Amino acid sequence: MANTKSDEHSNVRSSIMEWKHLHPLHQIAETPTHKLLLKQWLKEEELINGRIALKETQIDSIRKEITMLYIFFFLFHSTTLMLLFNNSSSSSTTTAPNKACHKSWVPSLCSLLFSLGFIWALRYKSDVEGHMEKMLCREKEDRGLLRKCSEELKKKGLEFDLLKEVDALRRAKSLRVENKEVRKWSSRDFVSLFFFSVACLSLAVIRVILCS
């Protein structure tokens, strides 16, 4: 009887030793909970990769739109100034300068309204770009956390503590705090200020052209 118990104990012990000597991936394949968790993490990582690719495409599209707004802004003002200069040169012999100067508020007002519209559109697109970049950074952080946990699971096999590691992953996602620096000025503020300065300079040039 004692020999039978000792044999059973040795068999169980040998089976445990054989199980531990298996490759961690074989251990995961033989354990439904670990296998299901790994599949879920890999599937979620694929979904995150898809969202990252989509956001990168959207950011590229927004940057192209911002570049087009830059081009249209300078093209509008250069075309406006050239037309006013040519018109004032051709009509300088027939029209009194004081009359043209008196009506200079009309092109000035139109130029100012168009400039403010361009500046608002540029600022809006820049804010959208900044928001998309934050979302992209968050998705990359989630992918990094998932990838780290998946690698740990593949490396440890059954030694991977499901409760501890999954709880740590959830805590890392929920307690993730963005490092927000309080900035009085940002690069977008300087860009808006630059274009507003260009708009004001254009108003001055219009005044000089029509009143000279």
C-alpha atoms as a PDB file:
ATOM      1  CA  MET A   1       0.000   0.000   0.000  1.00  0.00           C
ATOM      2  CA  ALA A   2       2.806   2.337   0.900  1.00  0.00           C
ATOM      3  CA  ASN A   3       4.580   1.475  -2.311  1.00  0.00           C
ATOM      4  CA  THR A   4       1.447   2.332  -4.293  1.00  0.00           C
ATOM      5  CA  LYS A   5       1.181   5.769  -2.687  1.00  0.00           C
ATOM      6  CA  SER A   6       4.835   6.450  -3.250  1.00  0.00           C
ATOM      7  CA  ASP A   7       4.508   5.408  -6.893  1.00  0.00           C
ATOM      8  CA  GLU A   8       1.519   7.730  -7.406  1.00  0.00           C
ATOM      9  CA  HIS A   9       3.390  10.557  -5.731  1.00  0.00           C
ATOM     10  CA  SER A  10       6.426  10.001  -7.918  1.00  0.00           C
ATOM     11  CA  ASN A  11       4.275   9.845 -11.053  1.00  0.00           C
ATOM     12  CA  VAL A  12       2.577  13.127 -10.192  1.00  0.00           C
ATOM     13  CA  ARG A  13       5.909  14.687  -9.430  1.00  0.00           C
ATOM     14  CA  SER A  14       7.423  13.478 -12.684  1.00  0.00           C
ATOM     15  CA  SER A  15       4.426  14.749 -14.669  1.00  0.00           C
ATOM     16  CA  ILE A  16       4.779  18.157 -13.031  1.00  0.00           C
ATOM     17  CA  MET A  17       8.475  18.216 -13.871  1.00  0.00           C
ATOM     18  CA  GLU A  18       7.747  17.264 -17.479  1.00  0.00           C
ATOM     19  CA  TRP A  19       5.087  19.979 -17.644  1.00  0.00           C
ATOM     20  CA  LYS A  20       7.527  22.595 -16.383  1.00  0.00           C
ATOM     21  CA  HIS A  21      10.136  21.555 -18.928  1.00  0.00           C
ATOM     22  CA  LEU A  22       7.715  22.202 -21.785  1.00  0.00           C
ATOM     23  CA  HIS A  23       8.189  25.341 -23.861  1.00  0.00           C
ATOM     24  CA  PRO A  24       6.047  28.242 -22.563  1.00  0.00           C
ATOM     25  CA  LEU A  25       4.104  28.336 -25.846  1.00  0.00           C
ATOM     26  CA  HIS A  26       3.251  24.637 -25.441  1.00  0.00           C
ATOM     27  CA  GLN A  27       2.119  25.361 -21.888  1.00  0.00           C
ATOM     28  CA  ILE A  28      -0.113  28.185 -23.143  1.00  0.00           C
ATOM     29  CA  ALA A  29      -1.553  25.930 -25.862  1.00  0.00           C
ATOM     30  CA  GLU A  30      -2.487  23.324 -23.269  1.00  0.00           C
ATOM     31  CA  THR A  31      -4.116  25.867 -20.918  1.00  0.00           C
ATOM     32  CA  PRO A  32      -7.471  27.319 -22.106  1.00  0.00           C
ATOM     33  CA  THR A  33      -7.333  30.467 -19.950  1.00  0.00           C
ATOM     34  CA  HIS A  34      -3.821  31.477 -21.002  1.00  0.00           C
ATOM     35  CA  LYS A  35      -4.557  30.598 -24.627  1.00  0.00           C
ATOM     36  CA  LEU A  36      -7.770  32.657 -24.690  1.00  0.00           C
ATOM     37  CA  LEU A  37      -6.067  35.624 -23.026  1.00  0.00           C
ATOM     38  CA  LEU A  38      -3.196  35.587 -25.522  1.00  0.00           C
ATOM     39  CA  LYS A  39      -5.653  35.453 -28.442  1.00  0.00           C
ATOM     40  CA  GLN A  40      -7.589  38.396 -27.034  1.00  0.00           C
ATOM     41  CA  TRP A  41      -4.456  40.470 -26.566  1.00  0.00           C
ATOM     42  CA  LEU A  42      -3.177  39.706 -30.060  1.00  0.00           C
ATOM     43  CA  LYS A  43      -6.571  40.565 -31.573  1.00  0.00           C
ATOM     44  CA  GLU A  44      -6.755  43.794 -29.607  1.00  0.00           C
ATOM     45  CA  GLU A  45      -3.234  44.676 -30.725  1.00  0.00           C
ATOM     46  CA  GLU A  46      -4.283  44.209 -34.367  1.00  0.00           C
ATOM     47  CA  LEU A  47      -7.258  46.527 -33.812  1.00  0.00           C
ATOM     48  CA  ILE A  48      -4.977  49.134 -32.245  1.00  0.00           C
ATOM     49  CA  ASN A  49      -2.586  48.864 -35.205  1.00  0.00           C
ATOM     50  CA  GLY A  50      -5.515  49.534 -37.531  1.00  0.00           C
ATOM     51  CA  ARG A  51      -6.575  52.589 -35.532  1.00  0.00           C
ATOM     52  CA  ILE A  52      -2.982  53.864 -35.489  1.00  0.00           C
ATOM     53  CA  ALA A  53      -2.706  53.528 -39.280  1.00  0.00           C
ATOM     54  CA  LEU A  54      -6.038  55.345 -39.721  1.00  0.00           C
ATOM     55  CA  LYS A  55      -5.025  58.212 -37.431  1.00  0.00           C
ATOM     56  CA  GLU A  56      -1.659  58.574 -39.170  1.00  0.00           C
ATOM     57  CA  THR A  57      -3.476  58.840 -42.512  1.00  0.00           C
ATOM     58  CA  GLN A  58      -5.853  61.442 -41.077  1.00  0.00           C
ATOM     59  CA  ILE A  59      -2.964  63.476 -39.668  1.00  0.00           C
ATOM     60  CA  ASP A  60      -1.194  63.441 -43.052  1.00  0.00           C
ATOM     61  CA  SER A  61      -4.412  64.614 -44.712  1.00  0.00           C
ATOM     62  CA  ILE A  62      -4.842  67.453 -42.196  1.00  0.00           C
ATOM     63  CA  ARG A  63      -1.237  68.561 -42.709  1.00  0.00           C
ATOM     64  CA  LYS A  64      -1.796  68.692 -46.472  1.00  0.00           C
ATOM     65  CA  GLU A  65      -4.886  70.841 -45.910  1.00  0.00           C
ATOM     66  CA  ILE A  66      -2.885  73.185 -43.670  1.00  0.00           C
ATOM     67  CA  THR A  67      -0.204  73.483 -46.345  1.00  0.00           C
ATOM     68  CA  MET A  68      -2.868  74.356 -48.939  1.00  0.00           C
ATOM     69  CA  LEU A  69      -4.246  77.046 -46.603  1.00  0.00           C
ATOM     70  CA  TYR A  70      -0.741  78.521 -46.314  1.00  0.00           C
ATOM     71  CA  ILE A  71      -0.465  78.649 -50.098  1.00  0.00           C
ATOM     72  CA  PHE A  72      -3.931  80.161 -50.561  1.00  0.00           C
ATOM     73  CA  PHE A  73      -3.260  82.804 -47.909  1.00  0.00           C
ATOM     74  CA  PHE A  74      -0.104  84.147 -49.564  1.00  0.00           C
ATOM     75  CA  LEU A  75      -1.544  83.691 -53.048  1.00  0.00           C
ATOM     76  CA  PHE A  76      -4.627  85.720 -52.116  1.00  0.00           C
ATOM     77  CA  HIS A  77      -2.655  88.641 -50.705  1.00  0.00           C
ATOM     78  CA  SER A  78      -0.064  88.699 -53.475  1.00  0.00           C
ATOM     79  CA  THR A  79      -2.778  88.607 -56.160  1.00  0.00           C
ATOM     80  CA  THR A  80      -4.788  91.326 -54.384  1.00  0.00           C
ATOM     81  CA  LEU A  81      -1.806  93.645 -54.086  1.00  0.00           C
ATOM     82  CA  MET A  82      -0.783  93.110 -57.711  1.00  0.00           C
ATOM     83  CA  LEU A  83      -4.301  93.858 -58.983  1.00  0.00           C
ATOM     84  CA  LEU A  84      -4.590  96.992 -56.842  1.00  0.00           C
ATOM     85  CA  PHE A  85      -1.170  98.206 -57.935  1.00  0.00           C
ATOM     86  CA  ASN A  86      -1.907  97.645 -61.625  1.00  0.00           C
ATOM     87  CA  ASN A  87      -5.331  99.277 -61.268  1.00  0.00           C
ATOM     88  CA  SER A  88      -3.948 102.301 -59.442  1.00  0.00           C
ATOM     89  CA  SER A  89      -1.149 102.697 -61.998  1.00  0.00           C
ATOM     90  CA  SER A  90      -3.495 102.594 -64.974  1.00  0.00           C
ATOM     91  CA  SER A  91      -6.050 104.961 -63.429  1.00  0.00           C
ATOM     92  CA  SER A  92      -3.602 107.399 -61.858  1.00  0.00           C
ATOM     93  CA  THR A  93      -3.905 109.792 -64.791  1.00  0.00           C
ATOM     94  CA  THR A  94      -7.723 109.834 -64.823  1.00  0.00           C
ATOM     95  CA  THR A  95      -8.660 109.474 -61.151  1.00  0.00           C
ATOM     96  CA  ALA A  96      -7.765 111.830 -58.340  1.00  0.00           C
ATOM     97  CA  PRO A  97      -5.544 110.232 -55.688  1.00  0.00           C
ATOM     98  CA  ASN A  98      -7.717 111.602 -52.882  1.00  0.00           C
ATOM     99  CA  LYS A  99     -10.803 109.816 -54.249  1.00  0.00           C
ATOM    100  CA  ALA A 100      -8.968 106.480 -54.499  1.00  0.00           C
ATOM    101  CA  CYS A 101      -7.576 106.944 -50.997  1.00  0.00           C
ATOM    102  CA  HIS A 102     -11.029 107.749 -49.663  1.00  0.00           C
ATOM    103  CA  LYS A 103     -12.365 104.436 -51.017  1.00  0.00           C
ATOM    104  CA  SER A 104      -9.414 102.394 -49.788  1.00  0.00           C
ATOM    105  CA  TRP A 105     -11.478 101.044 -46.870  1.00  0.00           C
ATOM    106  CA  VAL A 106     -13.401  98.754 -49.256  1.00  0.00           C
ATOM    107  CA  PRO A 107     -10.442  96.552 -50.360  1.00  0.00           C
ATOM    108  CA  SER A 108      -8.955  96.871 -46.868  1.00  0.00           C
ATOM    109  CA  LEU A 109     -12.105  95.515 -45.248  1.00  0.00           C
ATOM    110  CA  CYS A 110     -12.356  92.679 -47.772  1.00  0.00           C
ATOM    111  CA  SER A 111      -8.697  91.789 -47.236  1.00  0.00           C
ATOM    112  CA  LEU A 112      -9.155  91.842 -43.455  1.00  0.00           C
ATOM    113  CA  LEU A 113     -12.241  89.603 -43.557  1.00  0.00           C
ATOM    114  CA  PHE A 114     -10.561  87.070 -45.842  1.00  0.00           C
ATOM    115  CA  SER A 115      -7.439  87.134 -43.679  1.00  0.00           C
ATOM    116  CA  LEU A 116      -9.409  86.478 -40.491  1.00  0.00           C
ATOM    117  CA  GLY A 117     -11.215  83.619 -42.235  1.00  0.00           C
ATOM    118  CA  PHE A 118      -7.918  82.057 -43.295  1.00  0.00           C
ATOM    119  CA  ILE A 119      -6.422  82.491 -39.801  1.00  0.00           C
ATOM    120  CA  TRP A 120      -9.489  80.885 -38.171  1.00  0.00           C
ATOM    121  CA  ALA A 121      -9.319  77.943 -40.604  1.00  0.00           C
ATOM    122  CA  LEU A 122      -5.593  77.510 -39.947  1.00  0.00           C
ATOM    123  CA  ARG A 123      -6.069  77.569 -36.179  1.00  0.00           C
ATOM    124  CA  TYR A 124      -8.965  75.113 -36.369  1.00  0.00           C
ATOM    125  CA  LYS A 125      -6.983  72.666 -38.499  1.00  0.00           C
ATOM    126  CA  SER A 126      -3.976  73.032 -36.194  1.00  0.00           C
ATOM    127  CA  ASP A 127      -6.126  72.229 -33.148  1.00  0.00           C
ATOM    128  CA  VAL A 128      -7.555  69.173 -34.912  1.00  0.00           C
ATOM    129  CA  GLU A 129      -4.018  68.054 -35.767  1.00  0.00           C
ATOM    130  CA  GLY A 130      -2.940  68.450 -32.130  1.00  0.00           C
ATOM    131  CA  HIS A 131      -5.953  66.464 -30.902  1.00  0.00           C
ATOM    132  CA  MET A 132      -5.273  63.669 -33.390  1.00  0.00           C
ATOM    133  CA  GLU A 133      -1.603  63.553 -32.343  1.00  0.00           C
ATOM    134  CA  LYS A 134      -2.633  63.108 -28.683  1.00  0.00           C
ATOM    135  CA  MET A 135      -5.001  60.283 -29.621  1.00  0.00           C
ATOM    136  CA  LEU A 136      -2.269  58.660 -31.709  1.00  0.00           C
ATOM    137  CA  CYS A 137       0.168  58.857 -28.801  1.00  0.00           C
ATOM    138  CA  ARG A 138      -2.418  57.256 -26.506  1.00  0.00           C
ATOM    139  CA  GLU A 139      -3.028  54.413 -28.964  1.00  0.00           C
ATOM    140  CA  LYS A 140       0.715  53.773 -29.209  1.00  0.00           C
ATOM    141  CA  GLU A 141       0.969  53.647 -25.424  1.00  0.00           C
ATOM    142  CA  ASP A 142      -1.857  51.095 -25.288  1.00  0.00           C
ATOM    143  CA  ARG A 143      -0.136  49.031 -27.953  1.00  0.00           C
ATOM    144  CA  GLY A 144       3.105  49.138 -25.984  1.00  0.00           C
ATOM    145  CA  LEU A 145       1.374  47.921 -22.819  1.00  0.00           C
ATOM    146  CA  LEU A 146      -0.372  45.090 -24.642  1.00  0.00           C
ATOM    147  CA  ARG A 147       2.786  44.063 -26.456  1.00  0.00           C
ATOM    148  CA  LYS A 148       4.730  44.000 -23.207  1.00  0.00           C
ATOM    149  CA  CYS A 149       2.120  41.800 -21.515  1.00  0.00           C
ATOM    150  CA  SER A 150       1.939  39.458 -24.519  1.00  0.00           C
ATOM    151  CA  GLU A 151       5.701  39.044 -24.541  1.00  0.00           C
ATOM    152  CA  GLU A 152       5.705  38.330 -20.817  1.00  0.00           C
ATOM    153  CA  LEU A 153       2.972  35.713 -21.278  1.00  0.00           C
ATOM    154  CA  LYS A 154       4.870  34.017 -24.113  1.00  0.00           C
ATOM    155  CA  LYS A 155       8.056  34.052 -22.075  1.00  0.00           C
ATOM    156  CA  LYS A 156       6.679  32.795 -18.738  1.00  0.00           C
ATOM    157  CA  GLY A 157       3.957  30.391 -19.823  1.00  0.00           C
ATOM    158  CA  LEU A 158       2.140  28.983 -16.787  1.00  0.00           C
ATOM    159  CA  GLU A 159       4.317  31.055 -14.465  1.00  0.00           C
ATOM    160  CA  PHE A 160       2.495  34.110 -15.768  1.00  0.00           C
ATOM    161  CA  ASP A 161       0.166  35.310 -12.994  1.00  0.00           C
ATOM    162  CA  LEU A 162      -3.103  36.120 -14.764  1.00  0.00           C
ATOM    163  CA  LEU A 163      -4.731  38.046 -11.923  1.00  0.00           C
ATOM    164  CA  LYS A 164      -1.660  40.099 -11.126  1.00  0.00           C
ATOM    165  CA  GLU A 165      -0.640  40.938 -14.694  1.00  0.00           C
ATOM    166  CA  VAL A 166      -4.147  41.662 -16.004  1.00  0.00           C
ATOM    167  CA  ASP A 167      -4.852  43.849 -12.991  1.00  0.00           C
ATOM    168  CA  ALA A 168      -1.583  45.695 -13.589  1.00  0.00           C
ATOM    169  CA  LEU A 169      -2.533  46.273 -17.234  1.00  0.00           C
ATOM    170  CA  ARG A 170      -5.939  47.648 -16.320  1.00  0.00           C
ATOM    171  CA  ARG A 171      -4.439  49.844 -13.628  1.00  0.00           C
ATOM    172  CA  ALA A 172      -1.841  51.183 -16.057  1.00  0.00           C
ATOM    173  CA  LYS A 173      -4.588  52.105 -18.537  1.00  0.00           C
ATOM    174  CA  SER A 174      -6.907  53.664 -15.970  1.00  0.00           C
ATOM    175  CA  LEU A 175      -4.244  55.558 -14.026  1.00  0.00           C
ATOM    176  CA  ARG A 176      -2.394  56.770 -17.092  1.00  0.00           C
ATOM    177  CA  VAL A 177      -1.992  60.505 -16.699  1.00  0.00           C
ATOM    178  CA  GLU A 178      -0.929  62.730 -19.510  1.00  0.00           C
ATOM    179  CA  ASN A 179       1.963  65.033 -18.727  1.00  0.00           C
ATOM    180  CA  LYS A 180       0.421  68.401 -19.425  1.00  0.00           C
ATOM    181  CA  GLU A 181       2.739  71.345 -19.260  1.00  0.00           C
ATOM    182  CA  VAL A 182       1.237  74.734 -18.662  1.00  0.00           C
ATOM    183  CA  ARG A 183       2.388  76.834 -21.568  1.00  0.00           C
ATOM    184  CA  LYS A 184       1.592  80.479 -22.035  1.00  0.00           C
ATOM    185  CA  TRP A 185       2.532  80.321 -25.690  1.00  0.00           C
ATOM    186  CA  SER A 186       2.552  77.447 -28.139  1.00  0.00           C
ATOM    187  CA  SER A 187       3.849  77.114 -31.680  1.00  0.00           C
ATOM    188  CA  ARG A 188       0.283  77.429 -33.001  1.00  0.00           C
ATOM    189  CA  ASP A 189      -0.069  80.792 -31.253  1.00  0.00           C
ATOM    190  CA  PHE A 190       3.082  82.075 -32.947  1.00  0.00           C
ATOM    191  CA  VAL A 191       1.836  80.863 -36.340  1.00  0.00           C
ATOM    192  CA  SER A 192      -1.496  82.654 -35.852  1.00  0.00           C
ATOM    193  CA  LEU A 193       0.322  85.793 -34.717  1.00  0.00           C
ATOM    194  CA  PHE A 194       2.590  85.661 -37.781  1.00  0.00           C
ATOM    195  CA  PHE A 195      -0.322  85.424 -40.209  1.00  0.00           C
ATOM    196  CA  PHE A 196      -2.177  88.209 -38.394  1.00  0.00           C
ATOM    197  CA  SER A 197       0.938  90.377 -38.735  1.00  0.00           C
ATOM    198  CA  VAL A 198       1.072  89.601 -42.452  1.00  0.00           C
ATOM    199  CA  ALA A 199      -2.601  90.571 -42.768  1.00  0.00           C
ATOM    200  CA  CYS A 200      -1.962  93.889 -41.018  1.00  0.00           C
ATOM    201  CA  LEU A 201       1.061  94.534 -43.243  1.00  0.00           C
ATOM    202  CA  SER A 202      -1.103  93.850 -46.277  1.00  0.00           C
ATOM    203  CA  LEU A 203      -3.610  96.482 -45.081  1.00  0.00           C
ATOM    204  CA  ALA A 204      -0.789  99.011 -44.762  1.00  0.00           C
ATOM    205  CA  VAL A 205       0.481  98.210 -48.263  1.00  0.00           C
ATOM    206  CA  ILE A 206      -3.040  98.595 -49.686  1.00  0.00           C
ATOM    207  CA  ARG A 207      -3.282 102.012 -48.052  1.00  0.00           C
ATOM    208  CA  VAL A 208       0.076 103.052 -49.467  1.00  0.00           C
ATOM    209  CA  ILE A 209      -0.795 101.863 -52.986  1.00  0.00           C
ATOM    210  CA  LEU A 210      -4.161 103.653 -53.139  1.00  0.00           C
ATOM    211  CA  CYS A 211      -3.083 106.868 -51.390  1.00  0.00           C
ATOM    212  CA  SER A 212       0.334 107.426 -52.999  1.00  0.00           C
END
